[in-house]
Amino acid sequence: MFDVVFFDPMFAKPRKSQPAFDMLRRFAEHAPLTQETLEEARRVARRWVVVKGAKYTDDLHKLGLEDEPGSRFTDVIWGRVGPSAES
C-alpha cells in the first residue's frame, strides 16, 4: 500500500523545454491514463490518487475527476480521488 499515488502524464502538446527533459520524454509512456490504471491506483492508495493535467483539455474529466482549485496563472491543473472502498 502507498499513501499517495501520483500521475504526471506527458502533455500531448509539449511546451518548450530544456534539452535534458526532451531526452526524458523519449523514454516516457505516452499512452493516455486509463480508467483501469486509475482504479488500480485507487486500490493501492491509502489516502489519495493525484493526477496532473493540462488546463485546456478534458483529460481529467474523461477519468471522472474534477480539477482542484489552483492558480489562474498556470497551464497545469490537478485532480484527485480517494482510495477505492475495497482498499
C-alpha atoms as a PDB file:
ATOM      1  CA  MET A   1       0.000   0.000   0.000  1.00  0.00           C
ATOM      2  CA  PHE A   2       1.021   3.599  -0.661  1.00  0.00           C
ATOM      3  CA  ASP A   3      -0.169   6.807   0.983  1.00  0.00           C
ATOM      4  CA  VAL A   4      -0.452   8.667  -2.337  1.00  0.00           C
ATOM      5  CA  VAL A   5      -0.216   7.578  -5.968  1.00  0.00           C
ATOM      6  CA  PHE A   6       0.803  10.437  -8.244  1.00  0.00           C
ATOM      7  CA  PHE A   7       0.419  10.527 -12.044  1.00  0.00           C
ATOM      8  CA  ASP A   8       2.301  13.155 -14.041  1.00  0.00           C
ATOM      9  CA  PRO A   9       1.467  12.280 -17.668  1.00  0.00           C
ATOM     10  CA  MET A  10       3.262  13.804 -20.604  1.00  0.00           C
ATOM     11  CA  PHE A  11       1.200  16.502 -22.296  1.00  0.00           C
ATOM     12  CA  ALA A  12       0.085  15.761 -25.863  1.00  0.00           C
ATOM     13  CA  LYS A  13       1.342  19.186 -26.964  1.00  0.00           C
ATOM     14  CA  PRO A  14       4.630  19.713 -25.144  1.00  0.00           C
ATOM     15  CA  ARG A  15       5.794  23.159 -24.245  1.00  0.00           C
ATOM     16  CA  LYS A  16       9.308  24.292 -24.993  1.00  0.00           C
ATOM     17  CA  SER A  17      11.607  22.566 -22.521  1.00  0.00           C
ATOM     18  CA  GLN A  18      15.205  22.053 -21.643  1.00  0.00           C
ATOM     19  CA  PRO A  19      17.185  19.557 -23.796  1.00  0.00           C
ATOM     20  CA  ALA A  20      17.568  17.156 -20.853  1.00  0.00           C
ATOM     21  CA  PHE A  21      13.786  16.972 -20.491  1.00  0.00           C
ATOM     22  CA  ASP A  22      13.433  16.228 -24.204  1.00  0.00           C
ATOM     23  CA  MET A  23      15.660  13.188 -23.658  1.00  0.00           C
ATOM     24  CA  LEU A  24      13.492  12.041 -20.745  1.00  0.00           C
ATOM     25  CA  ARG A  25      10.366  12.436 -22.899  1.00  0.00           C
ATOM     26  CA  ARG A  26      11.722   9.774 -25.293  1.00  0.00           C
ATOM     27  CA  PHE A  27      11.549   7.170 -22.510  1.00  0.00           C
ATOM     28  CA  ALA A  28       8.166   8.183 -21.092  1.00  0.00           C
ATOM     29  CA  GLU A  29       4.919   6.309 -21.546  1.00  0.00           C
ATOM     30  CA  HIS A  30       2.843   8.382 -23.980  1.00  0.00           C
ATOM     31  CA  ALA A  31      -0.401   6.414 -23.797  1.00  0.00           C
ATOM     32  CA  PRO A  32      -3.192   8.286 -22.024  1.00  0.00           C
ATOM     33  CA  LEU A  33      -4.017   7.350 -18.456  1.00  0.00           C
ATOM     34  CA  THR A  34      -6.853   4.809 -18.472  1.00  0.00           C
ATOM     35  CA  GLN A  35      -9.753   4.288 -16.121  1.00  0.00           C
ATOM     36  CA  GLU A  36      -8.365   0.807 -15.341  1.00  0.00           C
ATOM     37  CA  THR A  37      -4.994   2.254 -14.281  1.00  0.00           C
ATOM     38  CA  LEU A  38      -6.737   4.874 -12.163  1.00  0.00           C
ATOM     39  CA  GLU A  39      -8.808   2.171 -10.443  1.00  0.00           C
ATOM     40  CA  GLU A  40      -5.674   0.123  -9.723  1.00  0.00           C
ATOM     41  CA  ALA A  41      -4.054   3.212  -8.212  1.00  0.00           C
ATOM     42  CA  ARG A  42      -7.151   3.746  -6.056  1.00  0.00           C
ATOM     43  CA  ARG A  43      -6.894   0.134  -4.893  1.00  0.00           C
ATOM     44  CA  VAL A  44      -3.340   0.587  -3.575  1.00  0.00           C
ATOM     45  CA  ALA A  45      -3.615   4.178  -2.278  1.00  0.00           C
ATOM     46  CA  ARG A  46      -4.366   4.780   1.389  1.00  0.00           C
ATOM     47  CA  ARG A  47      -5.190   8.489   1.057  1.00  0.00           C
ATOM     48  CA  TRP A  48      -5.247   9.942  -2.471  1.00  0.00           C
ATOM     49  CA  VAL A  49      -4.602   9.419  -6.135  1.00  0.00           C
ATOM     50  CA  VAL A  50      -3.409  12.688  -7.697  1.00  0.00           C
ATOM     51  CA  VAL A  51      -3.359  13.308 -11.448  1.00  0.00           C
ATOM     52  CA  LYS A  52      -1.735  16.255 -13.241  1.00  0.00           C
ATOM     53  CA  GLY A  53      -3.437  17.542 -16.365  1.00  0.00           C
ATOM     54  CA  ALA A  54      -3.298  20.346 -18.886  1.00  0.00           C
ATOM     55  CA  LYS A  55      -5.709  23.206 -18.211  1.00  0.00           C
ATOM     56  CA  TYR A  56      -7.264  23.381 -21.673  1.00  0.00           C
ATOM     57  CA  THR A  57      -8.029  19.675 -22.156  1.00  0.00           C
ATOM     58  CA  ASP A  58     -10.733  17.393 -20.849  1.00  0.00           C
ATOM     59  CA  ASP A  59      -8.301  14.641 -19.814  1.00  0.00           C
ATOM     60  CA  LEU A  60      -9.234  14.788 -16.120  1.00  0.00           C
ATOM     61  CA  HIS A  61     -12.958  14.877 -16.828  1.00  0.00           C
ATOM     62  CA  LYS A  62     -12.639  11.780 -19.062  1.00  0.00           C
ATOM     63  CA  LEU A  63     -11.378   9.974 -15.956  1.00  0.00           C
ATOM     64  CA  GLY A  64     -14.244  11.290 -13.830  1.00  0.00           C
ATOM     65  CA  LEU A  65     -12.037  13.757 -11.938  1.00  0.00           C
ATOM     66  CA  GLU A  66     -12.823  17.355 -11.135  1.00  0.00           C
ATOM     67  CA  ASP A  67      -9.959  19.840 -11.165  1.00  0.00           C
ATOM     68  CA  GLU A  68      -8.928  21.195  -7.808  1.00  0.00           C
ATOM     69  CA  PRO A  69      -8.809  24.944  -7.249  1.00  0.00           C
ATOM     70  CA  GLY A  70      -5.436  26.295  -8.340  1.00  0.00           C
ATOM     71  CA  SER A  71      -3.622  29.257  -9.774  1.00  0.00           C
ATOM     72  CA  ARG A  72      -5.137  31.009 -12.754  1.00  0.00           C
ATOM     73  CA  PHE A  73      -1.593  31.765 -13.937  1.00  0.00           C
ATOM     74  CA  THR A  74      -0.595  28.192 -14.803  1.00  0.00           C
ATOM     75  CA  ASP A  75      -1.469  25.765 -17.597  1.00  0.00           C
ATOM     76  CA  VAL A  76      -1.431  22.839 -15.148  1.00  0.00           C
ATOM     77  CA  ILE A  77      -4.428  21.524 -13.239  1.00  0.00           C
ATOM     78  CA  TRP A  78      -4.718  18.760 -10.671  1.00  0.00           C
ATOM     79  CA  GLY A  79      -7.386  16.195  -9.947  1.00  0.00           C
ATOM     80  CA  ARG A  80      -7.572  13.860  -7.010  1.00  0.00           C
ATOM     81  CA  VAL A  81      -9.680  11.000  -5.829  1.00  0.00           C
ATOM     82  CA  GLY A  82      -9.673   8.961  -2.660  1.00  0.00           C
ATOM     83  CA  PRO A  83      -8.981   5.256  -2.354  1.00  0.00           C
ATOM     84  CA  SER A  84     -11.493   2.706  -3.514  1.00  0.00           C
ATOM     85  CA  ALA A  85     -13.893   1.304  -0.945  1.00  0.00           C
ATOM     86  CA  GLU A  86     -12.261  -2.110  -1.342  1.00  0.00           C
ATOM     87  CA  SER A  87      -8.864  -0.859  -0.038  1.00  0.00           C
END
